[in-house]
Amino acid sequence: MNYSAIFFDLDGTLVNTIDYWAEAYMHSLRDIGVDISGQDFLDEIYVLNTSFDEIMQDIGVDTNTANIFRKKRDQRYEEILRTRPLWFAGTEELLRKTADKYPTGIVTGSHKSYIEAMEEQISFSPLVRTIVAADDTPGHGKPEPDGLLLAADRLGVDPKACIYIGDQQFDVEAANAAGMVSCLLWTEFTPATAGEEAEICVESFGEIRELLEL
């Protein structure tokens, strides 16, 4: 299929950041007296894409404590992003080849400050035509389709002629809700049920290159 545009998720798909996010999150939770396991973090927070307000409500902290937590979490995470390896092997080549053939964008649940921290050591903005961050659609993150629809609008393309590639079930759900072709990239952090609603499932960047005929 000849797509009008290709959109990628960022964290866990193009950059290897999930462990870093868990580290910053769990460390900052411990600072406010909350201790959870890495598996609980993945199952109850990351995979479900649980909102910040829901998490703070569930653990029973007040607004001031929640703000302290958020500040410490973001400071830790951004410092990690500035200093540790981020690319998956082959990411940069995949983006370059994709952008040579198709209008390409990134739609991510990361905030712009996280992206800026990443780009202090790696550069992906020049490889894509648009990046839609969480700040661009506040309160309407994945699995809602708002970010994907905004990305398509920025590039002037019909969402139904686009594909979105991500590693989580909420990526698949967002793509389907936007009318895009949903492509799931299986990774170690992808839940077992994530492929049930995906139109396409792949296991590697090599399979993505074959799919896009790069």
N, C-alpha and C. Protein backbone atom coordinates (compact mmCIF):
# COMPACT_ATOMS: atom_id res chain seq x y z
N MET A 1 0.84 -1.20 0.00
CA MET A 1 0.00 0.00 0.00
C MET A 1 0.87 1.25 0.00
N ASN A 2 0.50 2.23 -0.77
CA ASN A 2 1.24 3.48 -0.83
C ASN A 2 0.60 4.49 0.12
N TYR A 3 1.21 4.69 1.28
CA TYR A 3 0.64 5.56 2.30
C TYR A 3 0.92 7.03 2.01
N SER A 4 0.00 7.89 2.43
CA SER A 4 0.19 9.33 2.27
C SER A 4 1.17 9.88 3.30
N ALA A 5 1.26 9.23 4.45
CA ALA A 5 2.21 9.62 5.49
C ALA A 5 2.42 8.46 6.45
N ILE A 6 3.59 8.46 7.08
CA ILE A 6 3.94 7.46 8.08
C ILE A 6 4.13 8.17 9.40
N PHE A 7 3.45 7.69 10.42
CA PHE A 7 3.60 8.26 11.76
C PHE A 7 4.11 7.19 12.72
N PHE A 8 5.07 7.57 13.55
CA PHE A 8 5.66 6.67 14.53
C PHE A 8 5.37 7.16 15.95
N ASP A 9 5.18 6.22 16.85
CA ASP A 9 5.29 6.48 18.27
C ASP A 9 6.77 6.72 18.57
N LEU A 10 7.06 7.27 19.72
CA LEU A 10 8.46 7.56 20.07
C LEU A 10 9.00 6.58 21.11
N ASP A 11 8.53 6.67 22.34
CA ASP A 11 9.09 5.88 23.43
C ASP A 11 8.74 4.40 23.29
N GLY A 12 9.77 3.57 23.31
CA GLY A 12 9.56 2.14 23.17
C GLY A 12 9.49 1.68 21.74
N THR A 13 9.34 2.63 20.81
CA THR A 13 9.28 2.30 19.39
C THR A 13 10.55 2.77 18.68
N LEU A 14 10.87 4.05 18.82
CA LEU A 14 12.07 4.61 18.18
C LEU A 14 13.21 4.81 19.17
N VAL A 15 12.87 5.09 20.42
CA VAL A 15 13.91 5.30 21.44
C VAL A 15 13.67 4.37 22.62
N ASN A 16 14.78 3.94 23.21
CA ASN A 16 14.76 2.92 24.26
C ASN A 16 14.69 3.59 25.63
N THR A 17 13.50 4.06 26.00
CA THR A 17 13.36 4.91 27.18
C THR A 17 12.46 4.34 28.28
N ILE A 18 11.83 3.23 28.05
CA ILE A 18 10.83 2.76 29.02
C ILE A 18 11.46 2.46 30.38
N ASP A 19 12.62 1.81 30.38
CA ASP A 19 13.30 1.54 31.65
C ASP A 19 13.69 2.85 32.34
N TYR A 20 14.09 3.85 31.57
CA TYR A 20 14.48 5.14 32.14
C TYR A 20 13.28 5.84 32.79
N TRP A 21 12.14 5.78 32.10
CA TRP A 21 10.92 6.39 32.63
C TRP A 21 10.51 5.69 33.93
N ALA A 22 10.59 4.37 33.94
CA ALA A 22 10.25 3.61 35.14
C ALA A 22 11.18 3.98 36.29
N GLU A 23 12.46 4.11 36.00
CA GLU A 23 13.44 4.47 37.03
C GLU A 23 13.12 5.83 37.66
N ALA A 24 12.89 6.83 36.81
CA ALA A 24 12.60 8.17 37.31
C ALA A 24 11.29 8.20 38.08
N TYR A 25 10.31 7.50 37.56
CA TYR A 25 8.98 7.49 38.17
C TYR A 25 9.01 6.81 39.54
N MET A 26 9.60 5.61 39.58
CA MET A 26 9.59 4.84 40.82
C MET A 26 10.46 5.50 41.89
N HIS A 27 11.59 6.07 41.49
CA HIS A 27 12.47 6.76 42.44
C HIS A 27 11.74 7.95 43.06
N SER A 28 11.03 8.69 42.23
CA SER A 28 10.31 9.87 42.71
C SER A 28 9.11 9.49 43.57
N LEU A 29 8.47 8.36 43.27
CA LEU A 29 7.40 7.86 44.14
C LEU A 29 7.94 7.51 45.52
N ARG A 30 9.12 6.90 45.55
CA ARG A 30 9.71 6.55 46.85
C ARG A 30 10.00 7.80 47.68
N ASP A 31 10.34 8.90 46.99
CA ASP A 31 10.60 10.16 47.70
C ASP A 31 9.37 10.67 48.45
N ILE A 32 8.18 10.29 47.99
CA ILE A 32 6.95 10.72 48.68
C ILE A 32 6.31 9.56 49.45
N GLY A 33 7.12 8.51 49.69
CA GLY A 33 6.67 7.42 50.55
C GLY A 33 5.86 6.34 49.89
N VAL A 34 5.94 6.24 48.56
CA VAL A 34 5.18 5.22 47.83
C VAL A 34 6.17 4.28 47.16
N ASP A 35 6.05 3.00 47.43
CA ASP A 35 6.98 2.01 46.87
C ASP A 35 6.19 1.00 46.05
N ILE A 36 6.49 0.91 44.75
CA ILE A 36 5.85 -0.09 43.90
C ILE A 36 6.92 -0.86 43.15
N SER A 37 6.58 -2.06 42.72
CA SER A 37 7.53 -2.88 41.98
C SER A 37 7.60 -2.44 40.53
N GLY A 38 8.67 -2.84 39.86
CA GLY A 38 8.78 -2.52 38.44
C GLY A 38 7.66 -3.13 37.63
N GLN A 39 7.23 -4.34 37.98
CA GLN A 39 6.15 -4.98 37.24
C GLN A 39 4.83 -4.26 37.46
N ASP A 40 4.59 -3.83 38.70
CA ASP A 40 3.36 -3.07 38.96
C ASP A 40 3.36 -1.75 38.20
N PHE A 41 4.53 -1.12 38.11
CA PHE A 41 4.62 0.12 37.34
C PHE A 41 4.22 -0.12 35.89
N LEU A 42 4.78 -1.17 35.30
CA LEU A 42 4.47 -1.48 33.90
C LEU A 42 3.00 -1.82 33.72
N ASP A 43 2.49 -2.70 34.58
CA ASP A 43 1.13 -3.22 34.41
C ASP A 43 0.06 -2.18 34.73
N GLU A 44 0.29 -1.39 35.77
CA GLU A 44 -0.77 -0.52 36.29
C GLU A 44 -0.65 0.93 35.85
N ILE A 45 0.54 1.33 35.41
CA ILE A 45 0.74 2.73 35.01
C ILE A 45 1.11 2.84 33.54
N TYR A 46 2.18 2.16 33.13
CA TYR A 46 2.67 2.38 31.77
C TYR A 46 1.76 1.79 30.71
N VAL A 47 1.50 0.51 30.80
CA VAL A 47 0.73 -0.18 29.76
C VAL A 47 -0.69 0.38 29.67
N LEU A 48 -1.27 0.76 30.80
CA LEU A 48 -2.63 1.31 30.80
C LEU A 48 -2.66 2.79 30.43
N ASN A 49 -1.46 3.40 30.34
CA ASN A 49 -1.37 4.83 30.04
C ASN A 49 -2.22 5.65 31.01
N THR A 50 -2.15 5.27 32.28
CA THR A 50 -2.96 5.92 33.31
C THR A 50 -2.56 7.38 33.46
N SER A 51 -3.55 8.25 33.56
CA SER A 51 -3.26 9.69 33.65
C SER A 51 -2.62 10.03 34.98
N PHE A 52 -1.86 11.12 34.98
CA PHE A 52 -1.18 11.57 36.20
C PHE A 52 -2.17 11.80 37.33
N ASP A 53 -3.27 12.47 37.04
CA ASP A 53 -4.25 12.77 38.08
C ASP A 53 -4.85 11.50 38.68
N GLU A 54 -5.10 10.51 37.83
CA GLU A 54 -5.64 9.23 38.33
C GLU A 54 -4.64 8.54 39.26
N ILE A 55 -3.37 8.56 38.86
CA ILE A 55 -2.35 7.91 39.68
C ILE A 55 -2.25 8.57 41.04
N MET A 56 -2.21 9.90 41.05
CA MET A 56 -2.09 10.63 42.31
C MET A 56 -3.32 10.38 43.19
N GLN A 57 -4.48 10.30 42.57
CA GLN A 57 -5.70 10.03 43.33
C GLN A 57 -5.67 8.63 43.92
N ASP A 58 -5.21 7.67 43.12
CA ASP A 58 -5.18 6.27 43.57
C ASP A 58 -4.24 6.08 44.75
N ILE A 59 -3.12 6.80 44.76
CA ILE A 59 -2.17 6.62 45.86
C ILE A 59 -2.45 7.56 47.02
N GLY A 60 -3.44 8.44 46.84
CA GLY A 60 -3.95 9.23 47.95
C GLY A 60 -3.06 10.38 48.39
N VAL A 61 -2.43 11.08 47.45
CA VAL A 61 -1.59 12.23 47.83
C VAL A 61 -2.31 13.54 47.52
N ASP A 62 -1.96 14.58 48.27
CA ASP A 62 -2.60 15.87 48.04
C ASP A 62 -1.94 16.60 46.87
N THR A 63 -2.52 17.72 46.49
CA THR A 63 -2.05 18.45 45.31
C THR A 63 -0.61 18.91 45.46
N ASN A 64 -0.24 19.40 46.63
CA ASN A 64 1.12 19.88 46.84
C ASN A 64 2.14 18.75 46.70
N THR A 65 1.83 17.60 47.30
CA THR A 65 2.73 16.45 47.19
C THR A 65 2.82 15.97 45.75
N ALA A 66 1.70 15.98 45.05
CA ALA A 66 1.70 15.57 43.65
C ALA A 66 2.58 16.48 42.82
N ASN A 67 2.55 17.77 43.09
CA ASN A 67 3.38 18.72 42.35
C ASN A 67 4.86 18.52 42.64
N ILE A 68 5.19 18.22 43.90
CA ILE A 68 6.58 17.93 44.26
C ILE A 68 7.05 16.68 43.53
N PHE A 69 6.21 15.65 43.54
CA PHE A 69 6.54 14.42 42.82
C PHE A 69 6.79 14.69 41.34
N ARG A 70 5.88 15.42 40.70
CA ARG A 70 6.00 15.67 39.26
C ARG A 70 7.31 16.40 38.94
N LYS A 71 7.65 17.39 39.75
CA LYS A 71 8.88 18.16 39.51
C LYS A 71 10.11 17.27 39.63
N LYS A 72 10.16 16.46 40.69
CA LYS A 72 11.32 15.57 40.88
C LYS A 72 11.40 14.53 39.77
N ARG A 73 10.24 13.96 39.42
CA ARG A 73 10.22 12.95 38.34
C ARG A 73 10.75 13.53 37.05
N ASP A 74 10.26 14.70 36.68
CA ASP A 74 10.67 15.30 35.41
C ASP A 74 12.15 15.67 35.43
N GLN A 75 12.64 16.20 36.54
CA GLN A 75 14.06 16.54 36.63
C GLN A 75 14.93 15.31 36.46
N ARG A 76 14.57 14.23 37.14
CA ARG A 76 15.34 12.99 37.03
C ARG A 76 15.30 12.45 35.61
N TYR A 77 14.10 12.39 35.05
CA TYR A 77 13.94 11.79 33.73
C TYR A 77 14.68 12.60 32.67
N GLU A 78 14.57 13.90 32.72
CA GLU A 78 15.23 14.73 31.71
C GLU A 78 16.75 14.62 31.82
N GLU A 79 17.28 14.50 33.03
CA GLU A 79 18.72 14.32 33.19
C GLU A 79 19.15 12.97 32.60
N ILE A 80 18.36 11.94 32.82
CA ILE A 80 18.65 10.63 32.23
C ILE A 80 18.65 10.73 30.71
N LEU A 81 17.66 11.41 30.16
CA LEU A 81 17.55 11.52 28.70
C LEU A 81 18.72 12.27 28.09
N ARG A 82 19.32 13.16 28.85
CA ARG A 82 20.46 13.92 28.34
C ARG A 82 21.75 13.11 28.33
N THR A 83 21.80 12.02 29.10
CA THR A 83 23.09 11.39 29.35
C THR A 83 23.19 9.91 28.99
N ARG A 84 22.08 9.24 28.76
CA ARG A 84 22.16 7.80 28.52
C ARG A 84 21.79 7.46 27.08
N PRO A 85 22.21 6.28 26.60
CA PRO A 85 21.90 5.90 25.21
C PRO A 85 20.39 5.85 24.98
N LEU A 86 19.96 6.32 23.81
CA LEU A 86 18.53 6.40 23.52
C LEU A 86 18.11 5.60 22.29
N TRP A 87 18.87 5.71 21.20
CA TRP A 87 18.46 5.03 19.96
C TRP A 87 18.40 3.52 20.15
N PHE A 88 17.39 2.89 19.60
CA PHE A 88 17.46 1.46 19.32
C PHE A 88 18.39 1.29 18.12
N ALA A 89 19.03 0.15 18.01
CA ALA A 89 19.87 -0.11 16.85
C ALA A 89 19.02 -0.03 15.58
N GLY A 90 19.44 0.82 14.65
CA GLY A 90 18.73 0.94 13.38
C GLY A 90 17.67 2.01 13.32
N THR A 91 17.42 2.70 14.44
CA THR A 91 16.36 3.71 14.44
C THR A 91 16.64 4.83 13.45
N GLU A 92 17.84 5.38 13.52
CA GLU A 92 18.16 6.54 12.68
C GLU A 92 18.07 6.18 11.20
N GLU A 93 18.57 5.01 10.85
CA GLU A 93 18.49 4.56 9.46
C GLU A 93 17.04 4.39 9.02
N LEU A 94 16.22 3.80 9.89
CA LEU A 94 14.80 3.61 9.56
C LEU A 94 14.12 4.95 9.32
N LEU A 95 14.36 5.91 10.19
CA LEU A 95 13.74 7.22 10.01
C LEU A 95 14.21 7.90 8.73
N ARG A 96 15.50 7.80 8.44
CA ARG A 96 16.02 8.44 7.23
C ARG A 96 15.41 7.82 5.98
N LYS A 97 15.36 6.50 5.94
CA LYS A 97 14.81 5.82 4.77
C LYS A 97 13.32 6.11 4.61
N THR A 98 12.61 6.14 5.74
CA THR A 98 11.18 6.43 5.68
C THR A 98 10.94 7.85 5.19
N ALA A 99 11.70 8.81 5.73
CA ALA A 99 11.52 10.21 5.36
C ALA A 99 11.93 10.48 3.92
N ASP A 100 12.82 9.67 3.38
CA ASP A 100 13.21 9.82 1.97
C ASP A 100 12.07 9.46 1.03
N LYS A 101 11.16 8.60 1.50
CA LYS A 101 10.09 8.11 0.63
C LYS A 101 8.72 8.69 0.97
N TYR A 102 8.48 8.97 2.24
CA TYR A 102 7.15 9.39 2.68
C TYR A 102 7.23 10.64 3.56
N PRO A 103 6.18 11.45 3.58
CA PRO A 103 6.04 12.43 4.66
C PRO A 103 5.97 11.65 5.99
N THR A 104 6.78 12.06 6.95
CA THR A 104 6.95 11.27 8.17
C THR A 104 6.77 12.15 9.41
N GLY A 105 6.14 11.60 10.43
CA GLY A 105 5.96 12.34 11.67
C GLY A 105 6.03 11.44 12.88
N ILE A 106 6.10 12.06 14.04
CA ILE A 106 6.11 11.36 15.32
C ILE A 106 4.94 11.87 16.16
N VAL A 107 4.20 10.94 16.75
CA VAL A 107 3.11 11.29 17.67
C VAL A 107 3.40 10.58 18.98
N THR A 108 3.65 11.35 20.02
CA THR A 108 4.14 10.77 21.27
C THR A 108 3.38 11.28 22.48
N GLY A 109 3.37 10.46 23.51
CA GLY A 109 2.83 10.88 24.79
C GLY A 109 3.84 11.62 25.64
N SER A 110 5.06 11.77 25.15
CA SER A 110 6.08 12.53 25.87
C SER A 110 5.80 14.02 25.80
N HIS A 111 6.23 14.71 26.83
CA HIS A 111 6.11 16.17 26.84
C HIS A 111 7.26 16.79 26.04
N LYS A 112 7.06 18.02 25.61
CA LYS A 112 8.08 18.71 24.81
C LYS A 112 9.40 18.83 25.55
N SER A 113 9.34 19.02 26.87
CA SER A 113 10.58 19.14 27.64
C SER A 113 11.39 17.84 27.59
N TYR A 114 10.70 16.69 27.52
CA TYR A 114 11.40 15.42 27.40
C TYR A 114 12.07 15.32 26.02
N ILE A 115 11.35 15.73 25.00
CA ILE A 115 11.90 15.68 23.65
C ILE A 115 13.11 16.59 23.53
N GLU A 116 13.03 17.77 24.12
CA GLU A 116 14.17 18.69 24.10
C GLU A 116 15.37 18.09 24.80
N ALA A 117 15.14 17.38 25.91
CA ALA A 117 16.24 16.73 26.62
C ALA A 117 16.86 15.63 25.76
N MET A 118 16.03 14.84 25.09
CA MET A 118 16.55 13.81 24.19
C MET A 118 17.43 14.42 23.11
N GLU A 119 16.96 15.54 22.57
CA GLU A 119 17.65 16.11 21.41
C GLU A 119 18.92 16.87 21.79
N GLU A 120 19.26 16.88 23.06
CA GLU A 120 20.57 17.39 23.44
C GLU A 120 21.67 16.39 23.07
N GLN A 121 21.27 15.12 22.84
CA GLN A 121 22.29 14.14 22.45
C GLN A 121 21.97 13.40 21.16
N ILE A 122 20.71 13.31 20.77
CA ILE A 122 20.36 12.72 19.48
C ILE A 122 19.45 13.71 18.75
N SER A 123 19.38 13.57 17.44
CA SER A 123 18.59 14.54 16.67
C SER A 123 17.65 13.81 15.74
N PHE A 124 16.36 13.88 16.04
CA PHE A 124 15.39 13.27 15.14
C PHE A 124 14.44 14.29 14.51
N SER A 125 14.38 15.50 15.06
CA SER A 125 13.50 16.52 14.47
C SER A 125 13.79 16.78 13.00
N PRO A 126 15.07 16.84 12.58
CA PRO A 126 15.34 17.09 11.16
C PRO A 126 14.90 15.95 10.24
N LEU A 127 14.62 14.78 10.82
CA LEU A 127 14.26 13.62 10.01
C LEU A 127 12.76 13.50 9.78
N VAL A 128 11.97 14.31 10.47
CA VAL A 128 10.52 14.21 10.34
C VAL A 128 9.92 15.59 10.08
N ARG A 129 8.70 15.59 9.56
CA ARG A 129 8.05 16.86 9.23
C ARG A 129 7.27 17.45 10.39
N THR A 130 6.86 16.61 11.32
CA THR A 130 6.14 17.12 12.49
C THR A 130 6.32 16.18 13.67
N ILE A 131 6.30 16.77 14.86
CA ILE A 131 6.27 16.00 16.10
C ILE A 131 5.11 16.52 16.94
N VAL A 132 4.18 15.65 17.24
CA VAL A 132 3.05 16.00 18.11
C VAL A 132 3.35 15.42 19.49
N ALA A 133 3.46 16.30 20.47
CA ALA A 133 3.76 15.89 21.85
C ALA A 133 2.50 15.96 22.71
N ALA A 134 2.63 15.47 23.94
CA ALA A 134 1.48 15.47 24.85
C ALA A 134 0.94 16.87 25.07
N ASP A 135 1.84 17.85 25.07
CA ASP A 135 1.44 19.25 25.30
C ASP A 135 0.51 19.78 24.21
N ASP A 136 0.54 19.16 23.04
CA ASP A 136 -0.25 19.65 21.91
C ASP A 136 -1.72 19.27 22.02
N THR A 137 -2.01 18.23 22.77
CA THR A 137 -3.41 17.79 22.94
C THR A 137 -3.66 17.49 24.42
N PRO A 138 -3.55 18.49 25.29
CA PRO A 138 -3.65 18.24 26.73
C PRO A 138 -4.99 17.61 27.11
N GLY A 139 -4.89 16.56 27.92
CA GLY A 139 -6.10 15.86 28.35
C GLY A 139 -6.67 14.91 27.33
N HIS A 140 -6.01 14.79 26.18
CA HIS A 140 -6.51 13.92 25.11
C HIS A 140 -5.39 13.07 24.55
N GLY A 141 -4.67 12.40 25.43
CA GLY A 141 -3.61 11.50 24.99
C GLY A 141 -4.15 10.19 24.46
N LYS A 142 -3.25 9.37 23.93
CA LYS A 142 -3.65 8.05 23.45
C LYS A 142 -4.27 7.25 24.61
N PRO A 143 -5.33 6.50 24.37
CA PRO A 143 -5.83 6.00 23.07
C PRO A 143 -6.76 6.93 22.32
N GLU A 144 -6.98 8.16 22.80
CA GLU A 144 -7.76 9.10 22.02
C GLU A 144 -6.98 9.46 20.75
N PRO A 145 -7.68 9.76 19.66
CA PRO A 145 -7.01 9.95 18.37
C PRO A 145 -6.51 11.36 18.10
N ASP A 146 -6.70 12.28 19.06
CA ASP A 146 -6.45 13.70 18.79
C ASP A 146 -5.05 13.99 18.26
N GLY A 147 -4.04 13.37 18.86
CA GLY A 147 -2.67 13.62 18.42
C GLY A 147 -2.42 13.18 17.00
N LEU A 148 -2.95 12.02 16.64
CA LEU A 148 -2.79 11.51 15.28
C LEU A 148 -3.53 12.37 14.27
N LEU A 149 -4.72 12.80 14.64
CA LEU A 149 -5.49 13.66 13.73
C LEU A 149 -4.80 15.01 13.54
N LEU A 150 -4.20 15.54 14.61
CA LEU A 150 -3.45 16.79 14.50
C LEU A 150 -2.24 16.62 13.59
N ALA A 151 -1.54 15.50 13.73
CA ALA A 151 -0.37 15.24 12.88
C ALA A 151 -0.76 15.17 11.41
N ALA A 152 -1.85 14.47 11.12
CA ALA A 152 -2.32 14.37 9.74
C ALA A 152 -2.72 15.74 9.21
N ASP A 153 -3.38 16.53 10.04
CA ASP A 153 -3.78 17.87 9.63
C ASP A 153 -2.57 18.74 9.33
N ARG A 154 -1.55 18.64 10.15
CA ARG A 154 -0.34 19.43 9.92
C ARG A 154 0.32 19.10 8.58
N LEU A 155 0.24 17.84 8.19
CA LEU A 155 0.85 17.43 6.93
C LEU A 155 -0.12 17.51 5.76
N GLY A 156 -1.37 17.84 6.04
CA GLY A 156 -2.36 17.98 4.97
C GLY A 156 -2.70 16.67 4.29
N VAL A 157 -2.79 15.59 5.09
CA VAL A 157 -3.08 14.27 4.52
C VAL A 157 -4.34 13.71 5.16
N ASP A 158 -4.98 12.79 4.45
CA ASP A 158 -6.17 12.09 4.94
C ASP A 158 -5.72 11.02 5.93
N PRO A 159 -6.20 11.06 7.17
CA PRO A 159 -5.80 10.04 8.14
C PRO A 159 -6.01 8.61 7.64
N LYS A 160 -7.04 8.40 6.84
CA LYS A 160 -7.33 7.05 6.36
C LYS A 160 -6.27 6.52 5.40
N ALA A 161 -5.42 7.42 4.90
CA ALA A 161 -4.36 7.01 3.99
C ALA A 161 -3.01 6.92 4.70
N CYS A 162 -3.03 6.94 6.04
CA CYS A 162 -1.80 6.95 6.83
C CYS A 162 -1.69 5.68 7.67
N ILE A 163 -0.49 5.43 8.15
CA ILE A 163 -0.23 4.31 9.06
C ILE A 163 0.46 4.85 10.30
N TYR A 164 0.09 4.28 11.45
CA TYR A 164 0.73 4.64 12.71
C TYR A 164 1.37 3.40 13.30
N ILE A 165 2.65 3.51 13.64
CA ILE A 165 3.43 2.38 14.14
C ILE A 165 3.82 2.63 15.59
N GLY A 166 3.39 1.74 16.48
CA GLY A 166 3.71 1.88 17.90
C GLY A 166 3.81 0.54 18.58
N ASP A 167 4.23 0.57 19.84
CA ASP A 167 4.53 -0.68 20.54
C ASP A 167 3.52 -1.05 21.63
N GLN A 168 2.47 -0.23 21.81
CA GLN A 168 1.53 -0.49 22.89
C GLN A 168 0.10 -0.58 22.38
N GLN A 169 -0.76 -1.20 23.19
CA GLN A 169 -2.17 -1.34 22.80
C GLN A 169 -2.83 0.01 22.61
N PHE A 170 -2.47 1.00 23.45
CA PHE A 170 -3.09 2.31 23.28
C PHE A 170 -2.65 2.99 21.99
N ASP A 171 -1.50 2.59 21.43
CA ASP A 171 -1.11 3.09 20.10
C ASP A 171 -2.04 2.53 19.03
N VAL A 172 -2.30 1.24 19.14
CA VAL A 172 -3.22 0.58 18.20
C VAL A 172 -4.61 1.20 18.29
N GLU A 173 -5.09 1.39 19.50
CA GLU A 173 -6.43 1.94 19.69
C GLU A 173 -6.52 3.37 19.15
N ALA A 174 -5.48 4.16 19.35
CA ALA A 174 -5.48 5.53 18.84
C ALA A 174 -5.49 5.54 17.32
N ALA A 175 -4.69 4.67 16.71
CA ALA A 175 -4.66 4.60 15.24
C ALA A 175 -6.02 4.19 14.70
N ASN A 176 -6.62 3.18 15.30
CA ASN A 176 -7.94 2.74 14.83
C ASN A 176 -8.98 3.84 14.99
N ALA A 177 -8.93 4.56 16.11
CA ALA A 177 -9.89 5.63 16.34
C ALA A 177 -9.72 6.78 15.35
N ALA A 178 -8.47 6.98 14.89
CA ALA A 178 -8.19 8.04 13.93
C ALA A 178 -8.48 7.62 12.49
N GLY A 179 -8.77 6.34 12.30
CA GLY A 179 -9.01 5.83 10.96
C GLY A 179 -7.75 5.47 10.21
N MET A 180 -6.61 5.47 10.90
CA MET A 180 -5.34 5.10 10.28
C MET A 180 -5.15 3.60 10.33
N VAL A 181 -4.25 3.10 9.50
CA VAL A 181 -3.83 1.71 9.60
C VAL A 181 -3.01 1.57 10.88
N SER A 182 -3.36 0.62 11.71
CA SER A 182 -2.65 0.41 12.97
C SER A 182 -1.61 -0.69 12.80
N CYS A 183 -0.38 -0.35 13.15
CA CYS A 183 0.72 -1.32 13.05
C CYS A 183 1.38 -1.44 14.41
N LEU A 184 1.36 -2.64 14.96
CA LEU A 184 1.96 -2.90 16.27
C LEU A 184 3.36 -3.45 16.10
N LEU A 185 4.33 -2.82 16.75
CA LEU A 185 5.70 -3.33 16.80
C LEU A 185 5.86 -4.08 18.12
N TRP A 186 6.03 -5.40 18.02
CA TRP A 186 6.18 -6.20 19.23
C TRP A 186 7.54 -5.92 19.88
N THR A 187 7.54 -5.63 21.19
CA THR A 187 8.77 -5.45 21.95
C THR A 187 8.63 -6.18 23.27
N GLU A 188 9.67 -6.15 24.08
CA GLU A 188 9.61 -6.84 25.37
C GLU A 188 8.58 -6.22 26.31
N PHE A 189 8.18 -4.98 26.05
CA PHE A 189 7.22 -4.30 26.92
C PHE A 189 5.81 -4.27 26.34
N THR A 190 5.59 -4.93 25.22
CA THR A 190 4.26 -4.96 24.60
C THR A 190 3.39 -6.02 25.29
N PRO A 191 2.22 -5.65 25.79
CA PRO A 191 1.36 -6.66 26.43
C PRO A 191 0.87 -7.70 25.44
N ALA A 192 0.64 -8.90 25.92
CA ALA A 192 0.32 -10.04 25.04
C ALA A 192 -0.94 -9.82 24.23
N THR A 193 -1.88 -9.05 24.75
CA THR A 193 -3.16 -8.85 24.05
C THR A 193 -3.14 -7.68 23.07
N ALA A 194 -2.01 -6.99 22.96
CA ALA A 194 -1.98 -5.74 22.19
C ALA A 194 -2.25 -5.93 20.71
N GLY A 195 -1.94 -7.11 20.19
CA GLY A 195 -2.09 -7.32 18.75
C GLY A 195 -3.49 -7.68 18.30
N GLU A 196 -4.41 -7.85 19.24
CA GLU A 196 -5.74 -8.35 18.88
C GLU A 196 -6.50 -7.39 17.97
N GLU A 197 -6.29 -6.09 18.13
CA GLU A 197 -7.01 -5.11 17.33
C GLU A 197 -6.14 -4.45 16.27
N ALA A 198 -4.87 -4.84 16.20
CA ALA A 198 -3.96 -4.25 15.21
C ALA A 198 -4.21 -4.82 13.83
N GLU A 199 -4.16 -3.97 12.83
CA GLU A 199 -4.31 -4.44 11.45
C GLU A 199 -3.06 -5.15 10.98
N ILE A 200 -1.91 -4.69 11.46
CA ILE A 200 -0.62 -5.26 11.08
C ILE A 200 0.22 -5.42 12.33
N CYS A 201 0.95 -6.53 12.44
CA CYS A 201 1.90 -6.73 13.53
C CYS A 201 3.28 -7.04 12.95
N VAL A 202 4.30 -6.40 13.48
CA VAL A 202 5.67 -6.64 13.04
C VAL A 202 6.54 -6.87 14.27
N GLU A 203 7.70 -7.48 14.05
CA GLU A 203 8.57 -7.81 15.17
C GLU A 203 9.93 -7.14 15.10
N SER A 204 10.17 -6.35 14.06
CA SER A 204 11.49 -5.75 13.91
C SER A 204 11.44 -4.56 12.97
N PHE A 205 12.51 -3.75 13.01
CA PHE A 205 12.63 -2.66 12.05
C PHE A 205 12.74 -3.21 10.63
N GLY A 206 13.36 -4.38 10.49
CA GLY A 206 13.46 -4.99 9.17
C GLY A 206 12.10 -5.26 8.57
N GLU A 207 11.17 -5.73 9.39
CA GLU A 207 9.81 -5.98 8.89
C GLU A 207 9.09 -4.67 8.56
N ILE A 208 9.40 -3.61 9.31
CA ILE A 208 8.82 -2.31 8.97
C ILE A 208 9.34 -1.84 7.62
N ARG A 209 10.63 -2.01 7.38
CA ARG A 209 11.19 -1.62 6.08
C ARG A 209 10.55 -2.40 4.94
N GLU A 210 10.32 -3.68 5.16
CA GLU A 210 9.64 -4.49 4.14
C GLU A 210 8.22 -4.00 3.92
N LEU A 211 7.52 -3.71 5.00
CA LEU A 211 6.14 -3.24 4.92
C LEU A 211 6.04 -1.94 4.13
N LEU A 212 6.98 -1.05 4.37
CA LEU A 212 6.97 0.26 3.72
C LEU A 212 7.74 0.27 2.40
N GLU A 213 8.29 -0.88 2.05
CA GLU A 213 9.05 -1.05 0.81
C GLU A 213 10.19 -0.04 0.72
N LEU A 214 10.97 0.02 1.79
CA LEU A 214 12.08 0.96 1.86
C LEU A 214 13.36 0.35 1.29
